[in-house]
Amino acid sequence: MRKLLLALVVTFTLQSCSSDSENRTDNTPQFTGNWKLTAKEVNGLNVPVSDCEDQFNWYRFQTSGAAQKGEATLNSPTGTVFCNQVVYESTYDVDQENNVLTIFKETSTEKYSIIELTANRFKIRKYNIRANSGAEVNIPIQNQVIETCTKQ
């Protein structure tokens, strides 16, 4: 009887301590690598990728959880438009259960719905931005950009 009681206590204890792997996020190997923006869609319409975006918009994901994001910026200090790049050093998590990619930049956190993920292509839609100050914005669906990227 004592052995049965001990076995039940051990079994109950092991089951009640749920594994973190059930709820944890995972940096899936499929995201690892260098990715280039190849297409955009807004509100159901294809939007051309500009020459500036083609040159400067990309993602780099590492299995360690480190990430870099290159973004094109336009400025015209003298009336002539210049294309520049900003590179964000960040980290990322992939919540496979909910199909969410989260990128943690120095000044903000961006959340993306993962629409498609294969070995050579992904499609994501940014739906939320939270500044480190606490301000949070849910992007209206009609303004959410779907990005398609291919592995380089």
C-alpha atoms as a PDB file:
ATOM      1  CA  MET A   1       0.000   0.000   0.000  1.00  0.00           C
ATOM      2  CA  ARG A   2       2.828   2.354   0.913  1.00  0.00           C
ATOM      3  CA  LYS A   3       4.500   1.741  -2.505  1.00  0.00           C
ATOM      4  CA  LEU A   4       1.210   2.410  -4.307  1.00  0.00           C
ATOM      5  CA  LEU A   5       0.735   5.669  -2.408  1.00  0.00           C
ATOM      6  CA  LEU A   6       4.318   6.718  -3.182  1.00  0.00           C
ATOM      7  CA  ALA A   7       3.844   5.884  -6.869  1.00  0.00           C
ATOM      8  CA  LEU A   8       0.634   7.957  -6.983  1.00  0.00           C
ATOM      9  CA  VAL A   9       2.323  10.933  -5.291  1.00  0.00           C
ATOM     10  CA  VAL A  10       5.267  10.798  -7.722  1.00  0.00           C
ATOM     11  CA  THR A  11       2.947  10.451 -10.725  1.00  0.00           C
ATOM     12  CA  PHE A  12       0.748  13.345  -9.567  1.00  0.00           C
ATOM     13  CA  THR A  13       3.771  15.543  -8.879  1.00  0.00           C
ATOM     14  CA  LEU A  14       5.279  14.901 -12.302  1.00  0.00           C
ATOM     15  CA  GLN A  15       1.985  15.583 -14.079  1.00  0.00           C
ATOM     16  CA  SER A  16       1.243  18.767 -12.153  1.00  0.00           C
ATOM     17  CA  CYS A  17       4.616  20.271 -13.072  1.00  0.00           C
ATOM     18  CA  SER A  18       3.857  20.905 -16.691  1.00  0.00           C
ATOM     19  CA  SER A  19       6.757  21.056 -19.043  1.00  0.00           C
ATOM     20  CA  ASP A  20       7.756  24.502 -20.255  1.00  0.00           C
ATOM     21  CA  SER A  21       7.951  23.025 -23.744  1.00  0.00           C
ATOM     22  CA  GLU A  22       4.149  22.914 -23.875  1.00  0.00           C
ATOM     23  CA  ASN A  23       3.857  26.720 -23.771  1.00  0.00           C
ATOM     24  CA  ARG A  24       7.280  27.990 -24.707  1.00  0.00           C
ATOM     25  CA  THR A  25       8.137  29.866 -27.795  1.00  0.00           C
ATOM     26  CA  ASP A  26      10.650  28.360 -30.158  1.00  0.00           C
ATOM     27  CA  ASN A  27      13.093  29.814 -32.654  1.00  0.00           C
ATOM     28  CA  THR A  28      12.233  27.337 -35.346  1.00  0.00           C
ATOM     29  CA  PRO A  29      15.090  26.298 -37.628  1.00  0.00           C
ATOM     30  CA  GLN A  30      12.959  27.224 -40.641  1.00  0.00           C
ATOM     31  CA  PHE A  31      13.327  30.917 -39.759  1.00  0.00           C
ATOM     32  CA  THR A  32      17.102  30.663 -39.406  1.00  0.00           C
ATOM     33  CA  GLY A  33      18.975  32.387 -42.211  1.00  0.00           C
ATOM     34  CA  ASN A  34      18.921  35.480 -44.405  1.00  0.00           C
ATOM     35  CA  TRP A  35      15.631  36.584 -45.972  1.00  0.00           C
ATOM     36  CA  LYS A  36      14.884  39.261 -48.561  1.00  0.00           C
ATOM     37  CA  LEU A  37      11.610  41.112 -49.084  1.00  0.00           C
ATOM     38  CA  THR A  38      10.156  40.076 -52.444  1.00  0.00           C
ATOM     39  CA  ALA A  39       6.491  41.125 -52.298  1.00  0.00           C
ATOM     40  CA  LYS A  40       4.044  43.256 -50.286  1.00  0.00           C
ATOM     41  CA  GLU A  41       0.290  43.314 -49.941  1.00  0.00           C
ATOM     42  CA  VAL A  42      -1.948  45.875 -48.221  1.00  0.00           C
ATOM     43  CA  ASN A  43      -5.699  45.476 -47.806  1.00  0.00           C
ATOM     44  CA  GLY A  44      -5.748  42.625 -50.331  1.00  0.00           C
ATOM     45  CA  LEU A  45      -3.851  44.548 -53.016  1.00  0.00           C
ATOM     46  CA  ASN A  46      -0.324  43.832 -54.236  1.00  0.00           C
ATOM     47  CA  VAL A  47       1.938  46.820 -53.657  1.00  0.00           C
ATOM     48  CA  PRO A  48       5.121  47.108 -55.715  1.00  0.00           C
ATOM     49  CA  VAL A  49       8.371  46.722 -53.798  1.00  0.00           C
ATOM     50  CA  SER A  50      10.343  49.904 -54.438  1.00  0.00           C
ATOM     51  CA  ASP A  51      13.964  49.844 -55.592  1.00  0.00           C
ATOM     52  CA  CYS A  52      14.910  51.163 -52.157  1.00  0.00           C
ATOM     53  CA  GLU A  53      13.001  48.365 -50.362  1.00  0.00           C
ATOM     54  CA  ASP A  54      14.406  45.779 -52.768  1.00  0.00           C
ATOM     55  CA  GLN A  55      17.904  46.868 -51.841  1.00  0.00           C
ATOM     56  CA  PHE A  56      17.517  47.409 -48.099  1.00  0.00           C
ATOM     57  CA  ASN A  57      14.596  45.416 -46.611  1.00  0.00           C
ATOM     58  CA  TRP A  58      15.665  42.066 -45.208  1.00  0.00           C
ATOM     59  CA  TYR A  59      15.686  39.869 -42.104  1.00  0.00           C
ATOM     60  CA  ARG A  60      18.449  37.741 -40.572  1.00  0.00           C
ATOM     61  CA  PHE A  61      17.447  35.161 -37.941  1.00  0.00           C
ATOM     62  CA  GLN A  62      19.900  33.044 -35.942  1.00  0.00           C
ATOM     63  CA  THR A  63      19.155  29.869 -33.977  1.00  0.00           C
ATOM     64  CA  SER A  64      20.388  31.645 -30.821  1.00  0.00           C
ATOM     65  CA  GLY A  65      17.380  33.985 -30.970  1.00  0.00           C
ATOM     66  CA  ALA A  66      19.415  36.933 -32.249  1.00  0.00           C
ATOM     67  CA  ALA A  67      18.028  38.797 -35.233  1.00  0.00           C
ATOM     68  CA  GLN A  68      18.718  41.743 -37.496  1.00  0.00           C
ATOM     69  CA  LYS A  69      16.186  43.639 -39.539  1.00  0.00           C
ATOM     70  CA  GLY A  70      17.131  45.959 -42.379  1.00  0.00           C
ATOM     71  CA  GLU A  71      14.635  48.668 -43.310  1.00  0.00           C
ATOM     72  CA  ALA A  72      14.735  51.213 -46.104  1.00  0.00           C
ATOM     73  CA  THR A  73      14.166  54.840 -45.170  1.00  0.00           C
ATOM     74  CA  LEU A  74      13.651  57.794 -47.459  1.00  0.00           C
ATOM     75  CA  ASN A  75      14.736  61.308 -46.639  1.00  0.00           C
ATOM     76  CA  SER A  76      15.086  64.486 -48.625  1.00  0.00           C
ATOM     77  CA  PRO A  77      17.059  67.092 -46.691  1.00  0.00           C
ATOM     78  CA  THR A  78      17.748  69.152 -49.823  1.00  0.00           C
ATOM     79  CA  GLY A  79      14.713  68.214 -51.898  1.00  0.00           C
ATOM     80  CA  THR A  80      16.468  65.238 -53.498  1.00  0.00           C
ATOM     81  CA  VAL A  81      15.162  61.929 -52.179  1.00  0.00           C
ATOM     82  CA  PHE A  82      17.823  59.654 -50.723  1.00  0.00           C
ATOM     83  CA  CYS A  83      17.348  56.001 -49.882  1.00  0.00           C
ATOM     84  CA  ASN A  84      19.065  54.913 -46.674  1.00  0.00           C
ATOM     85  CA  GLN A  85      19.038  51.810 -44.531  1.00  0.00           C
ATOM     86  CA  VAL A  86      18.477  51.358 -40.830  1.00  0.00           C
ATOM     87  CA  VAL A  87      19.604  48.044 -39.341  1.00  0.00           C
ATOM     88  CA  TYR A  88      17.984  46.963 -36.091  1.00  0.00           C
ATOM     89  CA  GLU A  89      19.793  44.571 -33.781  1.00  0.00           C
ATOM     90  CA  SER A  90      17.136  42.538 -32.027  1.00  0.00           C
ATOM     91  CA  THR A  91      16.008  39.178 -30.734  1.00  0.00           C
ATOM     92  CA  TYR A  92      13.024  37.111 -31.765  1.00  0.00           C
ATOM     93  CA  ASP A  93      10.687  34.351 -30.667  1.00  0.00           C
ATOM     94  CA  VAL A  94       8.409  32.104 -32.678  1.00  0.00           C
ATOM     95  CA  ASP A  95       5.213  30.891 -31.023  1.00  0.00           C
ATOM     96  CA  GLN A  96       4.448  27.906 -33.238  1.00  0.00           C
ATOM     97  CA  GLU A  97       1.150  27.098 -31.528  1.00  0.00           C
ATOM     98  CA  ASN A  98      -0.311  30.543 -32.294  1.00  0.00           C
ATOM     99  CA  ASN A  99       1.733  31.234 -35.472  1.00  0.00           C
ATOM    100  CA  VAL A 100       3.215  34.446 -34.100  1.00  0.00           C
ATOM    101  CA  LEU A 101       6.662  35.903 -34.768  1.00  0.00           C
ATOM    102  CA  THR A 102       7.742  38.490 -32.194  1.00  0.00           C
ATOM    103  CA  ILE A 103      10.718  40.753 -32.856  1.00  0.00           C
ATOM    104  CA  PHE A 104      12.151  42.559 -29.837  1.00  0.00           C
ATOM    105  CA  LYS A 105      13.901  45.713 -31.030  1.00  0.00           C
ATOM    106  CA  GLU A 106      15.723  48.123 -28.716  1.00  0.00           C
ATOM    107  CA  THR A 107      12.836  50.600 -28.611  1.00  0.00           C
ATOM    108  CA  SER A 108       9.814  48.452 -29.445  1.00  0.00           C
ATOM    109  CA  THR A 109       8.307  45.006 -29.849  1.00  0.00           C
ATOM    110  CA  GLU A 110       6.663  44.018 -33.141  1.00  0.00           C
ATOM    111  CA  LYS A 111       4.222  41.119 -33.490  1.00  0.00           C
ATOM    112  CA  TYR A 112       3.573  39.376 -36.789  1.00  0.00           C
ATOM    113  CA  SER A 113       1.068  36.700 -37.772  1.00  0.00           C
ATOM    114  CA  ILE A 114       2.859  33.924 -39.632  1.00  0.00           C
ATOM    115  CA  ILE A 115       0.730  33.282 -42.709  1.00  0.00           C
ATOM    116  CA  GLU A 116       3.118  30.902 -44.454  1.00  0.00           C
ATOM    117  CA  LEU A 117       6.463  29.363 -43.530  1.00  0.00           C
ATOM    118  CA  THR A 118       8.393  26.969 -45.746  1.00  0.00           C
ATOM    119  CA  ALA A 119      12.093  26.223 -46.075  1.00  0.00           C
ATOM    120  CA  ASN A 120      12.486  28.943 -48.741  1.00  0.00           C
ATOM    121  CA  ARG A 121       9.701  31.460 -48.159  1.00  0.00           C
ATOM    122  CA  PHE A 122       7.663  33.129 -45.455  1.00  0.00           C
ATOM    123  CA  LYS A 123       4.699  35.496 -45.360  1.00  0.00           C
ATOM    124  CA  ILE A 124       4.093  37.602 -42.270  1.00  0.00           C
ATOM    125  CA  ARG A 125       1.639  40.350 -41.325  1.00  0.00           C
ATOM    126  CA  LYS A 126       2.563  42.942 -38.668  1.00  0.00           C
ATOM    127  CA  TYR A 127      -0.452  43.514 -36.445  1.00  0.00           C
ATOM    128  CA  ASN A 128       0.901  45.020 -33.228  1.00  0.00           C
ATOM    129  CA  ILE A 129       3.634  47.398 -32.087  1.00  0.00           C
ATOM    130  CA  ARG A 130       4.437  48.067 -28.444  1.00  0.00           C
ATOM    131  CA  ALA A 131       6.913  50.777 -27.531  1.00  0.00           C
ATOM    132  CA  ASN A 132       9.168  50.069 -24.573  1.00  0.00           C
ATOM    133  CA  SER A 133       7.504  53.058 -22.901  1.00  0.00           C
ATOM    134  CA  GLY A 134       4.342  50.943 -22.735  1.00  0.00           C
ATOM    135  CA  ALA A 135       2.328  52.545 -25.545  1.00  0.00           C
ATOM    136  CA  GLU A 136       0.764  49.812 -27.652  1.00  0.00           C
ATOM    137  CA  VAL A 137      -0.875  50.017 -31.066  1.00  0.00           C
ATOM    138  CA  ASN A 138      -2.976  47.349 -32.731  1.00  0.00           C
ATOM    139  CA  ILE A 139      -2.629  48.127 -36.425  1.00  0.00           C
ATOM    140  CA  PRO A 140      -6.034  48.297 -38.172  1.00  0.00           C
ATOM    141  CA  ILE A 141      -6.475  45.340 -40.537  1.00  0.00           C
ATOM    142  CA  GLN A 142      -6.734  47.598 -43.601  1.00  0.00           C
ATOM    143  CA  ASN A 143      -3.291  49.061 -42.786  1.00  0.00           C
ATOM    144  CA  GLN A 144      -1.515  45.797 -42.036  1.00  0.00           C
ATOM    145  CA  VAL A 145       1.224  44.997 -44.522  1.00  0.00           C
ATOM    146  CA  ILE A 146       1.784  41.385 -45.554  1.00  0.00           C
ATOM    147  CA  GLU A 147       5.436  40.822 -46.411  1.00  0.00           C
ATOM    148  CA  THR A 148       6.656  37.889 -48.471  1.00  0.00           C
ATOM    149  CA  CYS A 149      10.347  37.087 -48.075  1.00  0.00           C
ATOM    150  CA  THR A 150      12.522  34.491 -49.749  1.00  0.00           C
ATOM    151  CA  LYS A 151      15.559  32.795 -48.308  1.00  0.00           C
ATOM    152  CA  GLN A 152      18.877  34.002 -49.696  1.00  0.00           C
END
